Amino acid sequence: MRSLPLTGRRVLVTRALHQAGKLSEGLCALGAEPVEVPVLEIRPPASFEPLDAALRRFGGYDWVVLTSANTVRALTARAAQLGIGLGQPASMKVAAVGEATAAAAREAGFQIAFVPEAYVAESLVAGLLEGPQFRTGGARILLARAAVARDVIPDALRSAGAEVDVVDAYRNVLPEAAPEQLRRALAQGIDAATFTSSSSATHLAEAARQAGVAWPFAGVPAVSIGPITSQTLRELGWEPAAEANPSDIPGLIAAVVRVLTPSGSDDTKAVRTARLRLTPSTQQTLRLELEDPAAFAALLGVCLPQDWPPGEYDRDAIQFFLEKMIKGGQEAVGWYGWYALLEGSKPVALVGCGGYLGPPDETGYVEIGYSICEQWRGQGLAKELVQALVNRALALGAKKIVAHTTEANPASIAVLLGCGFEKTLSSESEQLQFEIACTE
């Protein structure tokens, strides 16, 4: 029976009931038991009058800024009740604060012109004001959001000369059942608490107050989806143990894994280049690659490429690495597979893999190989990956590093030559052998 990274762990999920599924399913895939205590319930705004007025003049806006998937649902539902069509004129552009919001908006029929790299209000404002599509001065903007939201977006846009209509599309309220549900959850024990928004933090604090539970929860790490939520937690007296990067659900799940399995995800073992972070494979990652690719992606906190596993790194290679890792134990970590992640990409991109066929033998001989996913080829990433593997092997005592390729792969030949390999004779007629020999 395979061992999953979060097996036996109880993780508190505080999202609204209709939104908890993706987070809970992701945690379940890694072996956790999600403990759902919804502290957010979506209610209509205190008054529909501002929202209705904005919907009736919807076609007159230059920009519509959507701050959440809940906002999209609230807008479309109210428009349907009023019999108003939300057709998007050619002159109107729509911005979404994150990919989940953008996906909901596209499903509702909107074309998205802008999504910020970081899913927070500050990045959305900076991207809008600096983007070529934004007309400074006189732009009419509709900002639909939850009641009691921060004023970062409207304040900045008004300072740039825009005319901004801010309307409450919905309210977040604390469900009546939340305090008692929280009391029962804590009585059974939880290993971590997740927070997907500032509202989830403030509402959970209020649920704890009503339940007579000490805040913050003793011995329970808080895991935040992003910097604004982390700031709110700190203001409430709870220092986050980890923050998602990127600020989305897969990133949040990966952060939970980092907190609850520190020995299995120790970032000190990572190797960094100018653009890449290389993470060694383990028995756990290899098993998940073979048996549950979605859980594998969640564990690394990446978006899995369509052509994964790439190139010659196929299921047979993964199985080979796994067998060697089982036989070699912890000492084998770092001498087989390495995953190449593109630093700074959002979501984090898994661009390829590389590694060794085992530790150096008694003569110091070690063989390396690599594969890059198709969409990331031709950008110099293969050279960064191979050079990092070479440098690591030499630093750990390798005397001769060997790699193989074929005449039919000129790109691979160029990578090896660019990393200092020299072509040598090969015992296999169809393969070319390249090597680096330590001269010391």
Protein backbone atom coordinates (compact mmCIF):
# COMPACT_ATOMS: atom_id res chain seq x y z
CA MET A 1 0.00 0.00 0.00
CA ARG A 2 1.45 3.36 -1.01
CA SER A 3 2.18 6.08 1.51
CA LEU A 4 0.80 9.51 0.65
CA PRO A 5 2.41 12.66 2.07
CA LEU A 6 -0.62 13.73 4.12
CA THR A 7 -1.86 10.32 5.21
CA GLY A 8 -3.60 10.55 8.59
CA ARG A 9 -3.50 14.36 8.69
CA ARG A 10 -6.64 16.36 9.48
CA VAL A 11 -6.67 19.71 7.69
CA LEU A 12 -9.20 22.44 8.42
CA VAL A 13 -10.94 23.81 5.30
CA THR A 14 -12.71 27.12 5.90
CA ARG A 15 -14.03 27.91 2.41
CA ALA A 16 -17.69 28.49 1.68
CA LEU A 17 -19.54 25.19 1.37
CA HIS A 18 -20.08 25.50 -2.41
CA GLN A 19 -16.36 26.23 -2.97
CA ALA A 20 -14.68 23.72 -0.65
CA GLY A 21 -14.65 20.87 -3.19
CA LYS A 22 -11.45 21.61 -5.10
CA LEU A 23 -9.37 22.17 -1.97
CA SER A 24 -10.84 19.19 -0.14
CA GLU A 25 -10.40 16.91 -3.16
CA GLY A 26 -6.78 17.97 -3.55
CA LEU A 27 -6.05 17.28 0.10
CA CYS A 28 -7.80 13.90 -0.11
CA ALA A 29 -5.66 12.97 -3.11
CA LEU A 30 -2.60 13.36 -0.89
CA GLY A 31 -4.08 11.25 1.92
CA ALA A 32 -5.40 14.00 4.19
CA GLU A 33 -8.79 14.12 5.87
CA PRO A 34 -10.31 17.52 5.06
CA VAL A 35 -12.26 18.90 8.01
CA GLU A 36 -14.78 21.27 6.48
CA VAL A 37 -15.95 24.09 8.72
CA PRO A 38 -17.39 26.69 6.32
CA VAL A 39 -17.01 30.13 7.84
CA LEU A 40 -18.26 31.99 4.77
CA GLU A 41 -21.82 32.03 3.50
CA ILE A 42 -22.72 34.05 0.42
CA ARG A 43 -25.71 36.35 0.92
CA PRO A 44 -27.25 39.09 -1.26
CA PRO A 45 -25.99 42.65 -0.69
CA ALA A 46 -27.75 44.78 1.91
CA SER A 47 -29.31 46.69 -1.01
CA PHE A 48 -29.57 45.70 -4.66
CA GLU A 49 -30.05 49.32 -5.78
CA PRO A 50 -26.38 50.16 -6.66
CA LEU A 51 -25.83 46.78 -8.33
CA ASP A 52 -29.07 47.03 -10.33
CA ALA A 53 -28.19 50.53 -11.51
CA ALA A 54 -24.75 49.35 -12.67
CA LEU A 55 -26.22 46.36 -14.49
CA ARG A 56 -28.69 48.59 -16.36
CA ARG A 57 -25.84 50.70 -17.74
CA PHE A 58 -23.46 47.75 -18.08
CA GLY A 59 -22.69 48.33 -21.76
CA GLY A 60 -21.42 51.85 -21.06
CA TYR A 61 -18.34 50.81 -19.08
CA ASP A 62 -14.85 50.78 -20.56
CA TRP A 63 -13.60 48.23 -18.04
CA VAL A 64 -15.27 45.73 -15.71
CA VAL A 65 -13.08 44.50 -12.86
CA LEU A 66 -14.06 41.13 -11.35
CA THR A 67 -12.56 40.29 -7.97
CA SER A 68 -13.75 36.70 -7.43
CA ALA A 69 -15.71 33.83 -8.93
CA ASN A 70 -18.44 34.67 -6.40
CA THR A 71 -18.65 38.14 -7.96
CA VAL A 72 -19.15 36.64 -11.42
CA ARG A 73 -21.92 34.37 -10.16
CA ALA A 74 -23.61 37.20 -8.28
CA LEU A 75 -23.54 39.52 -11.32
CA THR A 76 -24.91 36.96 -13.75
CA ALA A 77 -27.57 35.71 -11.32
CA ARG A 78 -28.87 39.22 -10.59
CA ALA A 79 -28.81 40.19 -14.26
CA ALA A 80 -30.86 37.09 -15.07
CA GLN A 81 -33.40 38.01 -12.37
CA LEU A 82 -33.73 41.48 -13.90
CA GLY A 83 -33.88 40.15 -17.45
CA ILE A 84 -30.74 42.08 -18.40
CA GLY A 85 -28.29 40.62 -20.91
CA LEU A 86 -24.62 41.04 -20.05
CA GLY A 87 -23.34 41.12 -23.60
CA GLN A 88 -19.78 42.44 -23.78
CA PRO A 89 -19.42 45.32 -26.28
CA ALA A 90 -16.28 45.36 -28.41
CA SER A 91 -15.12 48.48 -26.58
CA MET A 92 -15.41 46.87 -23.11
CA LYS A 93 -12.47 45.10 -21.51
CA VAL A 94 -12.71 42.76 -18.52
CA ALA A 95 -10.04 42.21 -15.86
CA ALA A 96 -10.04 39.33 -13.38
CA VAL A 97 -7.99 39.22 -10.19
CA GLY A 98 -6.95 35.57 -10.69
CA GLU A 99 -7.21 32.54 -12.94
CA ALA A 100 -10.15 31.04 -11.01
CA THR A 101 -12.07 34.30 -11.43
CA ALA A 102 -11.10 34.44 -15.11
CA ALA A 103 -12.30 30.88 -15.65
CA ALA A 104 -15.68 31.68 -14.09
CA ALA A 105 -15.94 34.83 -16.20
CA ARG A 106 -15.14 32.99 -19.44
CA GLU A 107 -17.75 30.39 -18.56
CA ALA A 108 -20.23 33.26 -18.20
CA GLY A 109 -19.33 34.46 -21.70
CA PHE A 110 -16.82 37.24 -20.99
CA GLN A 111 -13.55 37.73 -22.86
CA ILE A 112 -10.74 38.46 -20.41
CA ALA A 113 -8.25 41.17 -21.31
CA PHE A 114 -6.08 41.06 -18.20
CA VAL A 115 -5.16 38.74 -15.32
CA PRO A 116 -2.29 39.84 -13.02
CA GLU A 117 0.72 37.62 -12.39
CA ALA A 118 0.12 37.76 -8.63
CA TYR A 119 -3.48 37.24 -7.61
CA VAL A 120 -3.82 40.27 -5.32
CA ALA A 121 -5.41 43.69 -5.75
CA GLU A 122 -2.09 45.54 -5.83
CA SER A 123 -0.85 43.50 -8.82
CA LEU A 124 -4.13 43.97 -10.65
CA VAL A 125 -3.96 47.75 -10.23
CA ALA A 126 -0.30 47.94 -11.28
CA GLY A 127 -0.92 45.80 -14.35
CA LEU A 128 -3.95 47.82 -15.41
CA LEU A 129 -2.30 51.22 -15.03
CA GLU A 130 0.90 50.13 -16.78
CA GLY A 131 -0.83 48.19 -19.56
CA PRO A 132 -1.26 49.62 -23.05
CA GLN A 133 -5.00 48.84 -23.08
CA PHE A 134 -5.81 51.14 -20.16
CA ARG A 135 -6.86 54.69 -21.04
CA THR A 136 -5.83 57.03 -18.25
CA GLY A 137 -8.23 59.81 -17.50
CA GLY A 138 -11.94 59.49 -18.12
CA ALA A 139 -12.18 55.68 -18.24
CA ARG A 140 -15.48 54.40 -16.85
CA ILE A 141 -14.89 51.35 -14.68
CA LEU A 142 -17.26 48.99 -12.89
CA LEU A 143 -15.74 47.31 -9.84
CA ALA A 144 -18.02 44.58 -8.53
CA ARG A 145 -16.94 42.97 -5.27
CA ALA A 146 -17.92 41.67 -1.86
CA ALA A 147 -19.14 44.09 0.76
CA VAL A 148 -16.46 45.25 3.23
CA ALA A 149 -13.62 44.78 0.73
CA ARG A 150 -10.38 46.77 0.67
CA ASP A 151 -10.30 50.03 -1.30
CA VAL A 152 -6.90 49.48 -2.95
CA ILE A 153 -8.35 49.08 -6.45
CA PRO A 154 -10.85 51.99 -6.56
CA ASP A 155 -8.51 54.43 -4.79
CA ALA A 156 -5.65 53.78 -7.21
CA LEU A 157 -7.86 53.90 -10.31
CA ARG A 158 -9.50 57.15 -9.22
CA SER A 159 -6.07 58.65 -8.58
CA ALA A 160 -5.27 57.86 -12.22
CA GLY A 161 -8.33 59.83 -13.34
CA ALA A 162 -10.79 57.00 -13.85
CA GLU A 163 -14.47 57.18 -12.97
CA VAL A 164 -15.09 54.11 -10.81
CA ASP A 165 -18.46 52.70 -9.79
CA VAL A 166 -17.99 50.38 -6.79
CA VAL A 167 -20.93 48.06 -6.15
CA ASP A 168 -21.46 45.32 -3.61
CA ALA A 169 -22.39 42.15 -5.49
CA TYR A 170 -22.76 40.01 -2.36
CA ARG A 171 -21.97 39.75 1.34
CA ASN A 172 -19.91 37.19 3.23
CA VAL A 173 -21.55 36.24 6.55
CA LEU A 174 -20.62 33.72 9.23
CA PRO A 175 -22.91 30.64 9.06
CA GLU A 176 -24.84 29.99 12.26
CA ALA A 177 -23.48 26.44 12.49
CA ALA A 178 -19.82 27.45 12.24
CA PRO A 179 -18.99 27.91 15.98
CA GLU A 180 -20.33 24.49 16.97
CA GLN A 181 -18.73 22.81 13.94
CA LEU A 182 -15.42 24.39 14.88
CA ARG A 183 -15.72 23.25 18.50
CA ARG A 184 -16.30 19.64 17.37
CA ALA A 185 -13.46 19.76 14.83
CA LEU A 186 -10.94 21.00 17.41
CA ALA A 187 -12.12 18.42 19.93
CA GLN A 188 -11.09 15.69 17.48
CA GLY A 189 -7.84 17.47 16.63
CA ILE A 190 -6.57 19.16 13.50
CA ASP A 191 -3.03 19.27 12.10
CA ALA A 192 -3.26 22.47 10.04
CA ALA A 193 -5.73 25.23 9.18
CA THR A 194 -6.06 26.64 5.66
CA PHE A 195 -7.14 30.16 4.79
CA THR A 196 -8.24 31.18 1.29
CA SER A 197 -9.03 34.85 1.94
CA SER A 198 -8.87 37.56 4.57
CA SER A 199 -12.58 36.98 5.18
CA SER A 200 -11.94 33.32 6.02
CA ALA A 201 -9.44 34.45 8.67
CA THR A 202 -11.64 37.11 10.27
CA HIS A 203 -14.70 34.86 10.20
CA LEU A 204 -12.86 31.91 11.74
CA ALA A 205 -11.61 34.20 14.51
CA GLU A 206 -15.21 35.26 15.15
CA ALA A 207 -16.37 31.63 15.12
CA ALA A 208 -13.69 30.81 17.69
CA ARG A 209 -14.83 33.72 19.87
CA GLN A 210 -18.44 32.57 19.74
CA ALA A 211 -17.40 28.99 20.44
CA GLY A 212 -15.29 30.02 23.43
CA VAL A 213 -12.16 28.62 21.78
CA ALA A 214 -8.73 30.17 22.37
CA TRP A 215 -7.31 31.98 19.35
CA PRO A 216 -4.99 31.17 17.65
CA PHE A 217 -5.35 27.41 17.96
CA ALA A 218 -2.51 26.05 20.04
CA GLY A 219 -0.07 23.88 18.10
CA VAL A 220 -1.94 24.26 14.81
CA PRO A 221 -0.02 25.83 11.88
CA ALA A 222 -1.90 28.33 9.72
CA VAL A 223 -1.42 28.04 5.96
CA SER A 224 -2.34 31.11 3.92
CA ILE A 225 -3.22 31.44 0.23
CA GLY A 226 -1.38 34.73 -0.24
CA PRO A 227 0.21 37.87 1.19
CA ILE A 228 -3.00 39.78 1.97
CA THR A 229 -4.49 36.81 3.82
CA SER A 230 -1.18 36.39 5.66
CA GLN A 231 -1.27 40.05 6.68
CA THR A 232 -4.80 39.63 8.04
CA LEU A 233 -3.75 36.55 10.02
CA ARG A 234 -0.87 38.51 11.56
CA GLU A 235 -3.23 41.34 12.48
CA LEU A 236 -5.36 38.69 14.21
CA GLY A 237 -2.33 37.42 16.14
CA TRP A 238 -1.60 34.26 14.13
CA GLU A 239 1.70 34.09 12.25
CA PRO A 240 1.28 31.89 9.13
CA ALA A 241 3.52 28.84 9.01
CA ALA A 242 3.48 28.94 5.18
CA GLU A 243 2.11 30.95 2.30
CA ALA A 244 1.04 29.59 -1.07
CA ASN A 245 3.10 30.44 -4.14
CA PRO A 246 1.36 30.84 -6.51
CA SER A 247 -1.66 32.18 -4.65
CA ASP A 248 -4.14 29.55 -5.78
CA ILE A 249 -5.57 26.25 -4.56
CA PRO A 250 -2.75 24.00 -5.91
CA GLY A 251 -0.25 26.39 -4.34
CA LEU A 252 -2.13 26.24 -1.04
CA ILE A 253 -2.11 22.44 -1.07
CA ALA A 254 1.62 22.42 -1.79
CA ALA A 255 2.15 24.78 1.16
CA VAL A 256 0.23 22.40 3.43
CA VAL A 257 2.51 19.58 2.27
CA ARG A 258 5.60 21.69 3.06
CA VAL A 259 4.33 22.38 6.57
CA LEU A 260 3.20 18.87 7.44
CA THR A 261 5.97 16.88 5.72
CA PRO A 262 9.07 19.01 6.28
CA SER A 263 11.47 16.08 6.01
CA GLY A 264 10.04 15.00 2.67
CA SER A 265 10.09 18.44 1.10
CA ASP A 266 13.23 20.00 2.53
CA ASP A 267 14.06 22.84 0.17
CA THR A 268 17.68 22.82 1.33
CA LYS A 269 18.17 19.86 -1.05
CA ALA A 270 17.10 21.95 -4.02
CA VAL A 271 19.62 23.19 -6.59
CA ARG A 272 19.09 26.61 -8.15
CA THR A 273 20.23 28.12 -11.42
CA ALA A 274 19.51 31.52 -12.95
CA ARG A 275 15.96 30.44 -13.82
CA LEU A 276 15.40 26.95 -12.46
CA ARG A 277 14.85 25.27 -9.14
CA LEU A 278 15.80 21.60 -9.26
CA THR A 279 14.11 19.32 -6.75
CA PRO A 280 15.22 15.70 -6.26
CA SER A 281 12.76 12.88 -6.78
CA THR A 282 11.89 10.65 -3.85
CA GLN A 283 10.09 7.33 -3.47
CA GLN A 284 6.98 9.36 -2.71
CA THR A 285 7.12 11.56 -5.82
CA LEU A 286 7.93 8.63 -8.09
CA ARG A 287 5.04 6.54 -6.78
CA LEU A 288 2.65 9.43 -7.28
CA GLU A 289 3.95 10.00 -10.82
CA LEU A 290 3.05 6.40 -11.63
CA GLU A 291 -0.21 6.10 -9.71
CA ASP A 292 -1.74 9.56 -9.25
CA PRO A 293 -0.40 12.34 -11.51
CA ALA A 294 -2.78 14.93 -10.04
CA ALA A 295 -1.49 14.24 -6.53
CA PHE A 296 2.08 14.38 -7.88
CA ALA A 297 1.42 17.84 -9.32
CA ALA A 298 -0.18 19.01 -6.07
CA LEU A 299 2.80 17.72 -4.07
CA LEU A 300 5.24 19.75 -6.17
CA GLY A 301 2.84 22.70 -6.39
CA VAL A 302 2.98 22.74 -10.19
CA CYS A 303 0.73 22.64 -13.23
CA LEU A 304 1.44 19.30 -14.94
CA PRO A 305 2.40 19.66 -18.64
CA GLN A 306 0.31 17.75 -21.16
CA ASP A 307 3.36 15.81 -22.38
CA TRP A 308 4.51 14.70 -18.91
CA PRO A 309 6.53 12.54 -18.57
CA PRO A 310 8.61 14.04 -21.39
CA GLY A 311 10.88 12.35 -23.92
CA GLU A 312 12.84 9.32 -22.74
CA TYR A 313 11.72 9.95 -19.17
CA ASP A 314 8.83 7.51 -19.55
CA ARG A 315 7.04 5.15 -17.14
CA ASP A 316 9.84 2.59 -17.48
CA ALA A 317 12.40 5.21 -16.44
CA ILE A 318 10.23 6.28 -13.49
CA GLN A 319 9.86 2.64 -12.40
CA PHE A 320 13.62 2.14 -12.73
CA PHE A 321 14.31 5.18 -10.55
CA LEU A 322 11.76 4.02 -7.98
CA GLU A 323 13.33 0.55 -7.72
CA LYS A 324 16.78 2.08 -7.28
CA MET A 325 15.49 4.53 -4.67
CA ILE A 326 13.85 1.73 -2.69
CA LYS A 327 17.07 -0.25 -2.77
CA GLY A 328 19.32 2.71 -1.96
CA GLY A 329 17.15 4.35 0.69
CA GLN A 330 17.67 7.96 1.73
CA GLU A 331 21.27 7.98 0.50
CA ALA A 332 19.99 7.47 -3.06
CA VAL A 333 18.09 10.78 -3.03
CA GLY A 334 19.79 13.15 -5.46
CA TRP A 335 21.49 10.43 -7.53
CA TYR A 336 18.52 9.63 -9.75
CA GLY A 337 15.75 12.00 -10.88
CA TRP A 338 15.56 15.78 -10.53
CA TYR A 339 12.50 17.88 -11.42
CA ALA A 340 13.15 21.22 -13.14
CA LEU A 341 10.77 24.01 -12.04
CA LEU A 342 10.79 27.47 -13.59
CA GLU A 343 11.32 30.03 -10.82
CA GLY A 344 8.88 32.95 -10.77
CA SER A 345 6.36 31.40 -13.16
CA LYS A 346 2.70 31.56 -12.12
CA PRO A 347 1.50 28.89 -11.83
CA VAL A 348 4.84 27.23 -11.22
CA ALA A 349 5.87 25.47 -14.43
CA LEU A 350 7.37 21.97 -14.45
CA VAL A 351 9.60 22.34 -17.51
CA GLY A 352 11.44 19.01 -17.53
CA CYS A 353 13.61 16.63 -15.61
CA GLY A 354 17.12 15.30 -15.52
CA GLY A 355 19.32 13.20 -13.32
CA TYR A 356 21.83 10.44 -12.98
CA LEU A 357 21.75 6.69 -13.46
CA GLY A 358 23.06 6.30 -9.95
CA PRO A 359 25.88 7.57 -7.72
CA PRO A 360 29.48 7.52 -8.99
CA ASP A 361 31.07 4.05 -9.09
CA GLU A 362 34.43 3.24 -7.51
CA THR A 363 36.25 4.98 -10.36
CA GLY A 364 34.15 8.13 -10.06
CA TYR A 365 32.12 7.41 -13.24
CA VAL A 366 28.56 8.77 -13.41
CA GLU A 367 26.08 9.05 -16.30
CA ILE A 368 23.52 11.83 -16.72
CA GLY A 369 20.47 12.45 -18.90
CA TYR A 370 17.65 14.96 -19.29
CA SER A 371 14.31 15.65 -20.99
CA ILE A 372 12.58 19.00 -21.53
CA CYS A 373 8.84 19.37 -22.17
CA GLU A 374 8.09 20.47 -25.72
CA GLN A 375 6.73 23.93 -24.93
CA TRP A 376 9.91 24.84 -23.00
CA ARG A 377 12.46 23.78 -25.58
CA GLY A 378 14.69 26.24 -27.41
CA GLN A 379 14.96 28.63 -24.44
CA GLY A 380 18.29 27.53 -22.97
CA LEU A 381 16.69 25.74 -20.04
CA ALA A 382 18.22 22.38 -20.99
CA LYS A 383 21.71 23.85 -20.78
CA GLU A 384 20.97 25.31 -17.31
CA LEU A 385 19.66 21.93 -16.15
CA VAL A 386 22.60 19.90 -17.51
CA GLN A 387 25.19 22.38 -16.22
CA ALA A 388 23.65 22.21 -12.73
CA LEU A 389 23.78 18.40 -12.80
CA VAL A 390 27.41 18.47 -13.96
CA ASN A 391 28.44 20.99 -11.29
CA ARG A 392 26.74 18.98 -8.56
CA ALA A 393 28.35 15.71 -9.62
CA LEU A 394 31.84 17.25 -9.77
CA ALA A 395 31.34 18.91 -6.39
CA LEU A 396 30.42 15.53 -4.89
CA GLY A 397 33.51 13.76 -6.20
CA ALA A 398 32.66 12.51 -9.69
CA LYS A 399 35.74 12.00 -11.90
CA LYS A 400 34.07 11.31 -15.24
CA ILE A 401 30.58 12.39 -16.34
CA VAL A 402 29.12 10.69 -19.39
CA ALA A 403 26.05 11.46 -21.51
CA HIS A 404 24.62 9.84 -24.62
CA THR A 405 22.59 11.15 -27.54
CA THR A 406 22.23 10.52 -31.28
CA GLU A 407 23.08 12.28 -34.54
CA ALA A 408 19.36 12.79 -35.00
CA ASN A 409 19.27 15.11 -31.98
CA PRO A 410 21.44 18.13 -32.84
CA ALA A 411 19.85 20.23 -30.09
CA SER A 412 21.04 17.74 -27.46
CA ILE A 413 24.52 17.67 -29.00
CA ALA A 414 24.65 21.48 -28.79
CA VAL A 415 23.58 21.41 -25.14
CA LEU A 416 26.28 18.91 -24.20
CA LEU A 417 29.02 20.74 -26.09
CA GLY A 418 27.87 24.02 -24.52
CA CYS A 419 28.27 22.48 -21.06
CA GLY A 420 31.87 21.44 -21.72
CA PHE A 421 31.38 17.83 -22.84
CA GLU A 422 33.65 16.36 -25.49
CA LYS A 423 32.63 13.73 -28.00
CA THR A 424 34.24 10.32 -27.44
CA LEU A 425 33.89 6.82 -28.84
CA SER A 426 30.77 4.84 -27.94
CA SER A 427 30.40 1.09 -27.71
CA GLU A 428 26.84 1.45 -29.04
CA SER A 429 26.89 2.17 -32.78
CA GLU A 430 23.66 4.21 -32.85
CA GLN A 431 24.65 6.46 -29.95
CA LEU A 432 27.15 9.26 -29.55
CA GLN A 433 29.01 9.44 -26.26
CA PHE A 434 30.10 12.67 -24.64
CA GLU A 435 32.11 13.04 -21.47
CA ILE A 436 33.66 15.46 -19.03
CA ALA A 437 36.73 14.21 -17.20
CA CYS A 438 37.97 15.81 -14.00
CA THR A 439 41.60 16.83 -14.50
CA GLU A 440 42.48 17.12 -10.79
